[in-house]
Amino acid sequence: MITLESTWTSAGQQRHFRDLLTALSFPGRIVPLPAEDRSESAHVSMVACLADAGSTLADPHALLSSRTWGLVAATPTAVDRAAFILLDGRRPADATLQPQRGTLEEPEGGATLIISVESLGAGPLHLRARGPGIATEHTWSVAGLDPRWLVQRAAWIDYPRGVDVILCDAQRIVAIPRTTILTWES
């Protein structure tokens, strides 16, 4: 049931967008989504607040239900043409997936990867982020993220070209812009 404070209302989408801006301003910081809206998982909330009628969305791992696709205004498309790509972090990275990375003249054309994971803040994979927006470094743990996604992310970045990443567990997000230097260990 969709409530007044749902992910699918303009108020809910604005709230999630503000949370995303906070995450992007502080790369590597875990940002919880509002407690009053637990009707959707964080990856659906990110799709709802980012995708509009003028954007393209790829869901190669079929994470969105047909109901959710009915609510999303974005045009479904192939990964290599999508502005937003929804991925299952538990699955191994597929080197044949080639997201848009922008150009030197228009680096903002790089795709945003929304990667669903099991847990942010606990797990066997330990990440360390450094770079713009981070005073020294942010460290956190993740469960349900195949490390090959991190290797692939690095291969997709040729600054200023590249992809931005949003990791999502059930109700929290972490942003990893292309400017962030990321290291990890299991």
N, C-alpha and C. Protein backbone atom coordinates (compact mmCIF):
# COMPACT_ATOMS: atom_id res chain seq x y z
N MET A 1 0.83 -1.18 0.00
CA MET A 1 0.00 0.00 0.00
C MET A 1 0.88 1.25 0.00
N ILE A 2 0.56 2.22 -0.84
CA ILE A 2 1.33 3.45 -0.91
C ILE A 2 0.72 4.44 0.08
N THR A 3 1.55 4.91 1.01
CA THR A 3 1.09 5.86 2.01
C THR A 3 1.39 7.29 1.57
N LEU A 4 0.86 8.24 2.32
CA LEU A 4 1.07 9.66 2.00
C LEU A 4 2.56 10.00 2.01
N GLU A 5 3.33 9.36 2.87
CA GLU A 5 4.77 9.65 2.97
C GLU A 5 5.60 8.65 2.19
N SER A 6 5.03 8.04 1.22
CA SER A 6 5.69 6.99 0.45
C SER A 6 6.83 7.52 -0.41
N THR A 7 7.67 6.59 -0.80
CA THR A 7 8.74 6.85 -1.77
C THR A 7 8.18 7.46 -3.04
N TRP A 8 6.94 7.14 -3.37
CA TRP A 8 6.35 7.53 -4.65
C TRP A 8 5.62 8.86 -4.60
N THR A 9 5.65 9.56 -3.47
CA THR A 9 5.07 10.91 -3.41
C THR A 9 6.18 11.92 -3.67
N SER A 10 5.81 13.13 -4.06
CA SER A 10 6.84 14.15 -4.28
C SER A 10 7.58 14.46 -2.99
N ALA A 11 6.88 14.45 -1.85
CA ALA A 11 7.55 14.71 -0.57
C ALA A 11 8.57 13.62 -0.26
N GLY A 12 8.20 12.37 -0.49
CA GLY A 12 9.13 11.26 -0.25
C GLY A 12 10.32 11.33 -1.17
N GLN A 13 10.09 11.63 -2.43
CA GLN A 13 11.19 11.71 -3.39
C GLN A 13 12.12 12.88 -3.06
N GLN A 14 11.57 13.99 -2.62
CA GLN A 14 12.40 15.13 -2.23
C GLN A 14 13.26 14.77 -1.01
N ARG A 15 12.67 14.06 -0.05
CA ARG A 15 13.41 13.64 1.14
C ARG A 15 14.58 12.74 0.74
N HIS A 16 14.31 11.77 -0.13
CA HIS A 16 15.37 10.86 -0.55
C HIS A 16 16.43 11.58 -1.38
N PHE A 17 16.02 12.54 -2.17
CA PHE A 17 17.01 13.31 -2.94
C PHE A 17 17.92 14.10 -2.01
N ARG A 18 17.37 14.69 -0.95
CA ARG A 18 18.21 15.39 0.03
C ARG A 18 19.19 14.43 0.69
N ASP A 19 18.71 13.21 1.00
CA ASP A 19 19.61 12.20 1.59
C ASP A 19 20.72 11.83 0.61
N LEU A 20 20.37 11.71 -0.67
CA LEU A 20 21.37 11.40 -1.69
C LEU A 20 22.38 12.53 -1.80
N LEU A 21 21.92 13.78 -1.75
CA LEU A 21 22.85 14.92 -1.79
C LEU A 21 23.80 14.89 -0.60
N THR A 22 23.30 14.52 0.57
CA THR A 22 24.16 14.38 1.74
C THR A 22 25.21 13.30 1.49
N ALA A 23 24.78 12.15 0.96
CA ALA A 23 25.72 11.06 0.68
C ALA A 23 26.76 11.48 -0.35
N LEU A 24 26.35 12.20 -1.38
CA LEU A 24 27.30 12.67 -2.40
C LEU A 24 28.26 13.72 -1.84
N SER A 25 27.80 14.50 -0.89
CA SER A 25 28.65 15.53 -0.27
C SER A 25 29.69 14.93 0.66
N PHE A 26 29.39 13.75 1.18
CA PHE A 26 30.30 13.06 2.10
C PHE A 26 30.51 11.63 1.60
N PRO A 27 31.28 11.47 0.52
CA PRO A 27 31.49 10.13 -0.06
C PRO A 27 31.99 9.14 0.98
N GLY A 28 31.44 7.94 0.95
CA GLY A 28 31.85 6.89 1.88
C GLY A 28 31.12 6.91 3.20
N ARG A 29 30.30 7.91 3.44
CA ARG A 29 29.53 7.99 4.68
C ARG A 29 28.21 7.25 4.50
N ILE A 30 27.86 6.41 5.46
CA ILE A 30 26.57 5.71 5.42
C ILE A 30 25.48 6.69 5.83
N VAL A 31 24.48 6.85 4.95
CA VAL A 31 23.37 7.78 5.20
C VAL A 31 22.08 6.97 5.29
N PRO A 32 21.41 6.99 6.47
CA PRO A 32 20.15 6.27 6.58
C PRO A 32 19.03 7.05 5.90
N LEU A 33 18.11 6.32 5.27
CA LEU A 33 16.93 6.95 4.71
C LEU A 33 15.92 7.14 5.83
N PRO A 34 14.96 8.04 5.68
CA PRO A 34 14.04 8.37 6.78
C PRO A 34 13.29 7.15 7.32
N ALA A 35 13.17 7.09 8.63
CA ALA A 35 12.47 5.98 9.29
C ALA A 35 10.99 5.95 8.93
N GLU A 36 10.42 7.11 8.62
CA GLU A 36 8.98 7.14 8.33
C GLU A 36 8.63 6.52 6.99
N ASP A 37 9.63 6.25 6.15
CA ASP A 37 9.35 5.64 4.86
C ASP A 37 10.13 4.35 4.71
N ARG A 38 9.54 3.27 5.11
CA ARG A 38 10.16 1.95 4.99
C ARG A 38 9.35 1.07 4.02
N SER A 39 8.60 1.73 3.13
CA SER A 39 7.75 0.98 2.22
C SER A 39 8.52 0.35 1.06
N GLU A 40 9.69 0.86 0.75
CA GLU A 40 10.50 0.35 -0.36
C GLU A 40 11.94 0.20 0.12
N SER A 41 12.70 -0.65 -0.55
CA SER A 41 14.12 -0.76 -0.23
C SER A 41 14.85 0.47 -0.77
N ALA A 42 16.04 0.70 -0.29
CA ALA A 42 16.78 1.91 -0.65
C ALA A 42 17.06 2.00 -2.15
N HIS A 43 17.32 0.85 -2.82
CA HIS A 43 17.60 0.95 -4.25
C HIS A 43 16.36 1.41 -5.02
N VAL A 44 15.17 1.01 -4.59
CA VAL A 44 13.95 1.49 -5.23
C VAL A 44 13.75 2.97 -4.93
N SER A 45 14.04 3.38 -3.70
CA SER A 45 13.92 4.80 -3.34
C SER A 45 14.85 5.67 -4.18
N MET A 46 16.07 5.17 -4.45
CA MET A 46 17.01 5.93 -5.27
C MET A 46 16.51 6.02 -6.72
N VAL A 47 15.98 4.94 -7.25
CA VAL A 47 15.41 4.97 -8.61
C VAL A 47 14.25 5.97 -8.64
N ALA A 48 13.41 5.95 -7.62
CA ALA A 48 12.24 6.83 -7.59
C ALA A 48 12.63 8.30 -7.56
N CYS A 49 13.70 8.64 -6.83
CA CYS A 49 14.06 10.05 -6.71
C CYS A 49 14.95 10.53 -7.86
N LEU A 50 15.59 9.62 -8.58
CA LEU A 50 16.49 10.03 -9.66
C LEU A 50 15.86 9.93 -11.05
N ALA A 51 15.11 8.88 -11.29
CA ALA A 51 14.60 8.63 -12.63
C ALA A 51 13.34 9.45 -12.90
N ASP A 52 13.33 10.10 -14.04
CA ASP A 52 12.14 10.85 -14.46
C ASP A 52 11.87 10.55 -15.93
N ALA A 53 10.87 11.20 -16.47
CA ALA A 53 10.45 10.91 -17.85
C ALA A 53 11.55 11.21 -18.87
N GLY A 54 12.50 12.02 -18.53
CA GLY A 54 13.58 12.36 -19.46
C GLY A 54 14.82 11.51 -19.29
N SER A 55 14.78 10.51 -18.42
CA SER A 55 15.97 9.70 -18.17
C SER A 55 15.78 8.27 -18.66
N THR A 56 16.90 7.56 -18.71
CA THR A 56 16.91 6.17 -19.14
C THR A 56 17.40 5.30 -17.98
N LEU A 57 16.87 4.09 -17.90
CA LEU A 57 17.18 3.18 -16.80
C LEU A 57 17.37 1.77 -17.34
N ALA A 58 18.45 1.12 -16.90
CA ALA A 58 18.69 -0.28 -17.22
C ALA A 58 18.61 -1.10 -15.94
N ASP A 59 17.98 -2.25 -16.02
CA ASP A 59 17.83 -3.16 -14.89
C ASP A 59 18.22 -4.56 -15.34
N PRO A 60 19.52 -4.77 -15.67
CA PRO A 60 19.93 -6.05 -16.25
C PRO A 60 19.76 -7.25 -15.32
N HIS A 61 19.67 -7.01 -14.01
CA HIS A 61 19.51 -8.10 -13.05
C HIS A 61 18.06 -8.26 -12.61
N ALA A 62 17.15 -7.55 -13.25
CA ALA A 62 15.70 -7.65 -12.97
C ALA A 62 15.38 -7.46 -11.49
N LEU A 63 15.88 -6.38 -10.91
CA LEU A 63 15.61 -6.09 -9.50
C LEU A 63 14.29 -5.36 -9.28
N LEU A 64 13.76 -4.73 -10.31
CA LEU A 64 12.50 -4.00 -10.17
C LEU A 64 11.32 -4.89 -10.54
N SER A 65 10.29 -4.83 -9.73
CA SER A 65 9.08 -5.59 -10.02
C SER A 65 8.30 -4.89 -11.14
N SER A 66 7.35 -5.59 -11.71
CA SER A 66 6.53 -4.97 -12.76
C SER A 66 5.73 -3.81 -12.16
N ARG A 67 5.31 -3.92 -10.90
CA ARG A 67 4.61 -2.82 -10.23
C ARG A 67 5.50 -1.57 -10.17
N THR A 68 6.77 -1.78 -9.79
CA THR A 68 7.70 -0.66 -9.68
C THR A 68 7.97 -0.05 -11.05
N TRP A 69 8.16 -0.89 -12.07
CA TRP A 69 8.36 -0.36 -13.42
C TRP A 69 7.16 0.49 -13.83
N GLY A 70 5.97 0.12 -13.37
CA GLY A 70 4.79 0.90 -13.68
C GLY A 70 4.78 2.27 -13.04
N LEU A 71 5.51 2.41 -11.94
CA LEU A 71 5.59 3.69 -11.23
C LEU A 71 6.76 4.55 -11.68
N VAL A 72 7.78 3.91 -12.27
CA VAL A 72 8.98 4.63 -12.71
C VAL A 72 8.69 5.31 -14.04
N ALA A 73 9.05 6.57 -14.14
CA ALA A 73 8.79 7.32 -15.37
C ALA A 73 9.91 7.15 -16.41
N ALA A 74 11.05 6.60 -16.02
CA ALA A 74 12.20 6.49 -16.92
C ALA A 74 11.93 5.49 -18.05
N THR A 75 12.65 5.69 -19.14
CA THR A 75 12.56 4.79 -20.28
C THR A 75 13.51 3.62 -20.08
N PRO A 76 13.00 2.38 -20.13
CA PRO A 76 13.89 1.22 -20.04
C PRO A 76 14.81 1.16 -21.26
N THR A 77 16.08 0.87 -21.03
CA THR A 77 17.03 0.82 -22.14
C THR A 77 18.18 -0.13 -21.82
N ALA A 78 19.07 -0.31 -22.77
CA ALA A 78 20.25 -1.15 -22.58
C ALA A 78 21.27 -0.43 -21.71
N VAL A 79 22.12 -1.21 -21.07
CA VAL A 79 23.13 -0.67 -20.15
C VAL A 79 23.99 0.40 -20.82
N ASP A 80 24.41 0.18 -22.05
CA ASP A 80 25.33 1.13 -22.70
C ASP A 80 24.67 2.45 -23.09
N ARG A 81 23.36 2.57 -22.91
CA ARG A 81 22.66 3.82 -23.22
C ARG A 81 21.95 4.42 -22.01
N ALA A 82 22.08 3.79 -20.85
CA ALA A 82 21.32 4.19 -19.67
C ALA A 82 22.04 5.25 -18.83
N ALA A 83 21.26 6.20 -18.36
CA ALA A 83 21.79 7.18 -17.41
C ALA A 83 21.91 6.56 -16.03
N PHE A 84 20.98 5.64 -15.69
CA PHE A 84 20.96 4.97 -14.40
C PHE A 84 20.91 3.46 -14.64
N ILE A 85 21.74 2.73 -13.87
CA ILE A 85 21.81 1.27 -14.03
C ILE A 85 21.65 0.65 -12.65
N LEU A 86 20.66 -0.22 -12.50
CA LEU A 86 20.40 -0.91 -11.24
C LEU A 86 21.03 -2.29 -11.29
N LEU A 87 21.86 -2.60 -10.28
CA LEU A 87 22.63 -3.85 -10.30
C LEU A 87 22.55 -4.57 -8.96
N ASP A 88 22.69 -5.89 -9.00
CA ASP A 88 22.73 -6.73 -7.81
C ASP A 88 24.19 -6.94 -7.45
N GLY A 89 24.64 -6.37 -6.34
CA GLY A 89 26.03 -6.45 -5.92
C GLY A 89 26.51 -7.85 -5.58
N ARG A 90 25.59 -8.76 -5.30
CA ARG A 90 25.99 -10.13 -4.97
C ARG A 90 26.46 -10.89 -6.20
N ARG A 91 25.97 -10.47 -7.36
CA ARG A 91 26.36 -11.14 -8.60
C ARG A 91 27.75 -10.67 -9.02
N PRO A 92 28.51 -11.52 -9.66
CA PRO A 92 29.84 -11.09 -10.13
C PRO A 92 29.71 -9.99 -11.19
N ALA A 93 30.65 -9.09 -11.17
CA ALA A 93 30.67 -8.03 -12.18
C ALA A 93 30.83 -8.67 -13.56
N ASP A 94 30.16 -8.10 -14.50
CA ASP A 94 30.19 -8.60 -15.88
C ASP A 94 30.93 -7.58 -16.73
N ALA A 95 32.12 -7.95 -17.21
CA ALA A 95 32.94 -7.03 -18.00
C ALA A 95 32.28 -6.66 -19.32
N THR A 96 31.27 -7.43 -19.73
CA THR A 96 30.58 -7.07 -20.98
C THR A 96 29.61 -5.92 -20.77
N LEU A 97 29.24 -5.64 -19.51
CA LEU A 97 28.41 -4.46 -19.23
C LEU A 97 29.29 -3.23 -19.41
N GLN A 98 28.93 -2.37 -20.32
CA GLN A 98 29.72 -1.17 -20.57
C GLN A 98 28.85 0.07 -20.43
N PRO A 99 28.82 0.65 -19.23
CA PRO A 99 27.99 1.84 -19.03
C PRO A 99 28.59 3.06 -19.72
N GLN A 100 27.75 4.07 -19.91
CA GLN A 100 28.23 5.34 -20.44
C GLN A 100 29.22 5.92 -19.45
N ARG A 101 30.29 6.50 -19.97
CA ARG A 101 31.30 7.11 -19.10
C ARG A 101 31.47 8.59 -19.36
N GLY A 102 30.63 9.15 -20.24
CA GLY A 102 30.77 10.55 -20.58
C GLY A 102 31.93 10.76 -21.53
N THR A 103 32.15 12.02 -21.86
CA THR A 103 33.27 12.39 -22.73
C THR A 103 34.09 13.46 -22.01
N LEU A 104 35.23 13.81 -22.57
CA LEU A 104 36.03 14.88 -21.97
C LEU A 104 35.26 16.19 -21.97
N GLU A 105 34.48 16.41 -23.03
CA GLU A 105 33.69 17.65 -23.13
C GLU A 105 32.45 17.60 -22.26
N GLU A 106 31.88 16.41 -22.05
CA GLU A 106 30.66 16.26 -21.27
C GLU A 106 30.78 15.07 -20.31
N PRO A 107 31.62 15.20 -19.29
CA PRO A 107 31.82 14.07 -18.37
C PRO A 107 30.56 13.74 -17.57
N GLU A 108 29.64 14.69 -17.45
CA GLU A 108 28.40 14.44 -16.72
C GLU A 108 27.53 13.39 -17.40
N GLY A 109 27.89 12.99 -18.60
CA GLY A 109 27.17 11.94 -19.31
C GLY A 109 27.46 10.54 -18.81
N GLY A 110 28.34 10.42 -17.82
CA GLY A 110 28.63 9.11 -17.24
C GLY A 110 27.44 8.58 -16.46
N ALA A 111 27.25 7.28 -16.49
CA ALA A 111 26.12 6.65 -15.82
C ALA A 111 26.29 6.65 -14.31
N THR A 112 25.16 6.54 -13.62
CA THR A 112 25.13 6.32 -12.18
C THR A 112 24.70 4.88 -11.95
N LEU A 113 25.55 4.12 -11.25
CA LEU A 113 25.26 2.73 -10.93
C LEU A 113 24.63 2.68 -9.54
N ILE A 114 23.46 2.12 -9.44
CA ILE A 114 22.78 1.92 -8.16
C ILE A 114 22.93 0.43 -7.85
N ILE A 115 23.78 0.11 -6.88
CA ILE A 115 24.11 -1.29 -6.60
C ILE A 115 23.49 -1.72 -5.28
N SER A 116 22.63 -2.71 -5.35
CA SER A 116 21.97 -3.25 -4.17
C SER A 116 22.90 -4.23 -3.47
N VAL A 117 23.09 -4.05 -2.15
CA VAL A 117 23.92 -4.94 -1.34
C VAL A 117 23.11 -5.42 -0.14
N GLU A 118 23.62 -6.41 0.56
CA GLU A 118 22.91 -6.94 1.73
C GLU A 118 22.98 -6.01 2.93
N SER A 119 24.17 -5.46 3.21
CA SER A 119 24.32 -4.65 4.41
C SER A 119 25.47 -3.65 4.26
N LEU A 120 25.20 -2.43 4.69
CA LEU A 120 26.23 -1.39 4.79
C LEU A 120 26.55 -1.22 6.27
N GLY A 121 27.80 -1.23 6.62
CA GLY A 121 28.20 -1.06 8.01
C GLY A 121 28.62 -2.34 8.69
N ALA A 122 28.33 -3.48 8.08
CA ALA A 122 28.74 -4.78 8.61
C ALA A 122 28.96 -5.71 7.43
N GLY A 123 30.00 -6.52 7.53
CA GLY A 123 30.24 -7.48 6.47
C GLY A 123 31.72 -7.75 6.29
N PRO A 124 32.04 -8.71 5.43
CA PRO A 124 33.43 -9.14 5.27
C PRO A 124 34.29 -8.24 4.40
N LEU A 125 33.68 -7.37 3.61
CA LEU A 125 34.43 -6.50 2.71
C LEU A 125 34.60 -5.13 3.37
N HIS A 126 35.85 -4.72 3.56
CA HIS A 126 36.15 -3.44 4.23
C HIS A 126 36.64 -2.45 3.18
N LEU A 127 35.95 -1.31 3.09
CA LEU A 127 36.28 -0.29 2.10
C LEU A 127 36.84 0.95 2.77
N ARG A 128 37.72 1.63 2.04
CA ARG A 128 38.32 2.88 2.51
C ARG A 128 38.22 3.88 1.37
N ALA A 129 37.64 5.05 1.67
CA ALA A 129 37.45 6.08 0.65
C ALA A 129 38.25 7.33 1.03
N ARG A 130 38.91 7.90 0.02
CA ARG A 130 39.64 9.16 0.17
C ARG A 130 39.33 10.03 -1.03
N GLY A 131 39.49 11.33 -0.89
CA GLY A 131 39.29 12.23 -2.02
C GLY A 131 38.43 13.42 -1.66
N PRO A 132 37.95 14.17 -2.66
CA PRO A 132 37.14 15.36 -2.42
C PRO A 132 35.91 15.05 -1.57
N GLY A 133 35.66 15.91 -0.58
CA GLY A 133 34.52 15.74 0.32
C GLY A 133 34.82 14.88 1.53
N ILE A 134 36.06 14.39 1.62
CA ILE A 134 36.46 13.52 2.74
C ILE A 134 37.66 14.15 3.41
N ALA A 135 37.52 14.52 4.69
CA ALA A 135 38.61 15.20 5.40
C ALA A 135 39.87 14.35 5.43
N THR A 136 39.79 13.12 5.86
CA THR A 136 40.94 12.23 5.86
C THR A 136 40.58 10.97 5.08
N GLU A 137 39.70 10.15 5.67
CA GLU A 137 39.18 8.99 4.97
C GLU A 137 37.93 8.49 5.68
N HIS A 138 37.09 7.78 4.93
CA HIS A 138 35.92 7.09 5.50
C HIS A 138 36.16 5.60 5.30
N THR A 139 35.87 4.83 6.33
CA THR A 139 35.95 3.38 6.21
C THR A 139 34.61 2.79 6.62
N TRP A 140 34.24 1.69 5.96
CA TRP A 140 33.02 0.99 6.31
C TRP A 140 33.10 -0.42 5.77
N SER A 141 32.21 -1.25 6.24
CA SER A 141 32.15 -2.65 5.79
C SER A 141 30.88 -2.87 4.99
N VAL A 142 30.94 -3.87 4.12
CA VAL A 142 29.80 -4.19 3.26
C VAL A 142 29.64 -5.70 3.21
N ALA A 143 28.40 -6.15 3.23
CA ALA A 143 28.07 -7.55 2.97
C ALA A 143 27.26 -7.59 1.69
N GLY A 144 27.51 -8.59 0.87
CA GLY A 144 26.73 -8.76 -0.35
C GLY A 144 27.22 -7.93 -1.52
N LEU A 145 28.51 -7.64 -1.56
CA LEU A 145 29.09 -6.92 -2.69
C LEU A 145 30.28 -7.72 -3.20
N ASP A 146 30.17 -8.24 -4.40
CA ASP A 146 31.28 -8.95 -5.02
C ASP A 146 32.38 -7.92 -5.30
N PRO A 147 33.61 -8.14 -4.79
CA PRO A 147 34.68 -7.16 -4.97
C PRO A 147 35.01 -6.87 -6.43
N ARG A 148 34.62 -7.76 -7.33
CA ARG A 148 34.89 -7.50 -8.75
C ARG A 148 34.15 -6.26 -9.26
N TRP A 149 33.06 -5.86 -8.58
CA TRP A 149 32.39 -4.60 -8.96
C TRP A 149 33.32 -3.41 -8.70
N LEU A 150 34.12 -3.49 -7.65
CA LEU A 150 35.04 -2.41 -7.32
C LEU A 150 36.18 -2.36 -8.32
N VAL A 151 36.65 -3.52 -8.74
CA VAL A 151 37.69 -3.59 -9.78
C VAL A 151 37.13 -3.01 -11.08
N GLN A 152 35.91 -3.38 -11.42
CA GLN A 152 35.29 -2.89 -12.65
C GLN A 152 35.07 -1.38 -12.58
N ARG A 153 34.62 -0.89 -11.42
CA ARG A 153 34.43 0.56 -11.26
C ARG A 153 35.73 1.29 -11.57
N ALA A 154 36.84 0.80 -11.03
CA ALA A 154 38.14 1.43 -11.27
C ALA A 154 38.47 1.44 -12.76
N ALA A 155 38.14 0.36 -13.46
CA ALA A 155 38.42 0.28 -14.90
C ALA A 155 37.55 1.25 -15.70
N TRP A 156 36.38 1.59 -15.19
CA TRP A 156 35.47 2.49 -15.89
C TRP A 156 35.80 3.96 -15.66
N ILE A 157 36.76 4.26 -14.80
CA ILE A 157 37.07 5.65 -14.49
C ILE A 157 38.37 6.07 -15.16
N ASP A 158 38.27 7.11 -15.94
CA ASP A 158 39.39 7.77 -16.60
C ASP A 158 39.08 9.26 -16.44
N TYR A 159 39.31 9.77 -15.23
CA TYR A 159 38.82 11.09 -14.84
C TYR A 159 39.18 12.14 -15.88
N PRO A 160 38.20 13.00 -16.24
CA PRO A 160 36.90 13.22 -15.62
C PRO A 160 35.81 12.27 -16.09
N ARG A 161 36.13 11.39 -17.03
CA ARG A 161 35.14 10.41 -17.47
C ARG A 161 34.99 9.33 -16.41
N GLY A 162 33.81 8.69 -16.37
CA GLY A 162 33.63 7.59 -15.45
C GLY A 162 32.19 7.41 -15.02
N VAL A 163 32.03 6.59 -14.00
CA VAL A 163 30.70 6.31 -13.45
C VAL A 163 30.70 6.70 -11.98
N ASP A 164 29.51 7.03 -11.49
CA ASP A 164 29.30 7.27 -10.07
C ASP A 164 28.53 6.07 -9.54
N VAL A 165 28.74 5.75 -8.26
CA VAL A 165 28.13 4.57 -7.66
C VAL A 165 27.36 4.96 -6.40
N ILE A 166 26.18 4.36 -6.26
CA ILE A 166 25.41 4.47 -5.02
C ILE A 166 25.19 3.04 -4.53
N LEU A 167 25.75 2.71 -3.37
CA LEU A 167 25.51 1.40 -2.75
C LEU A 167 24.28 1.53 -1.87
N CYS A 168 23.40 0.55 -1.91
CA CYS A 168 22.15 0.59 -1.15
C CYS A 168 21.92 -0.73 -0.44
N ASP A 169 21.68 -0.70 0.87
CA ASP A 169 21.15 -1.89 1.52
C ASP A 169 19.65 -1.66 1.69
N ALA A 170 19.02 -2.29 2.63
CA ALA A 170 17.57 -2.15 2.75
C ALA A 170 17.14 -0.69 2.97
N GLN A 171 17.84 0.05 3.84
CA GLN A 171 17.39 1.40 4.17
C GLN A 171 18.52 2.42 4.33
N ARG A 172 19.71 2.12 3.78
CA ARG A 172 20.83 3.05 3.87
C ARG A 172 21.55 3.12 2.54
N ILE A 173 22.24 4.24 2.34
CA ILE A 173 22.99 4.43 1.10
C ILE A 173 24.40 4.93 1.40
N VAL A 174 25.30 4.69 0.46
CA VAL A 174 26.65 5.25 0.46
C VAL A 174 26.94 5.68 -0.97
N ALA A 175 27.38 6.91 -1.15
CA ALA A 175 27.73 7.40 -2.48
C ALA A 175 29.24 7.30 -2.68
N ILE A 176 29.61 6.88 -3.90
CA ILE A 176 31.02 6.81 -4.28
C ILE A 176 31.15 7.49 -5.64
N PRO A 177 31.35 8.82 -5.64
CA PRO A 177 31.52 9.51 -6.92
C PRO A 177 32.80 9.06 -7.62
N ARG A 178 32.90 9.37 -8.89
CA ARG A 178 34.08 8.97 -9.67
C ARG A 178 35.35 9.64 -9.16
N THR A 179 35.24 10.73 -8.41
CA THR A 179 36.42 11.42 -7.87
C THR A 179 36.99 10.73 -6.63
N THR A 180 36.25 9.77 -6.08
CA THR A 180 36.67 9.10 -4.85
C THR A 180 37.68 7.99 -5.16
N ILE A 181 38.75 7.98 -4.37
CA ILE A 181 39.76 6.92 -4.46
C ILE A 181 39.33 5.85 -3.47
N LEU A 182 39.13 4.65 -3.98
CA LEU A 182 38.59 3.56 -3.17
C LEU A 182 39.57 2.40 -3.09
N THR A 183 39.79 1.92 -1.88
CA THR A 183 40.58 0.70 -1.68
C THR A 183 39.75 -0.24 -0.82
N TRP A 184 40.08 -1.52 -0.83
CA TRP A 184 39.30 -2.48 -0.07
C TRP A 184 40.13 -3.71 0.26
N GLU A 185 39.62 -4.46 1.24
CA GLU A 185 40.23 -5.73 1.61
C GLU A 185 39.12 -6.61 2.19
N SER A 186 39.32 -7.92 2.02
CA SER A 186 38.33 -8.88 2.56
C SER A 186 38.80 -9.39 3.91
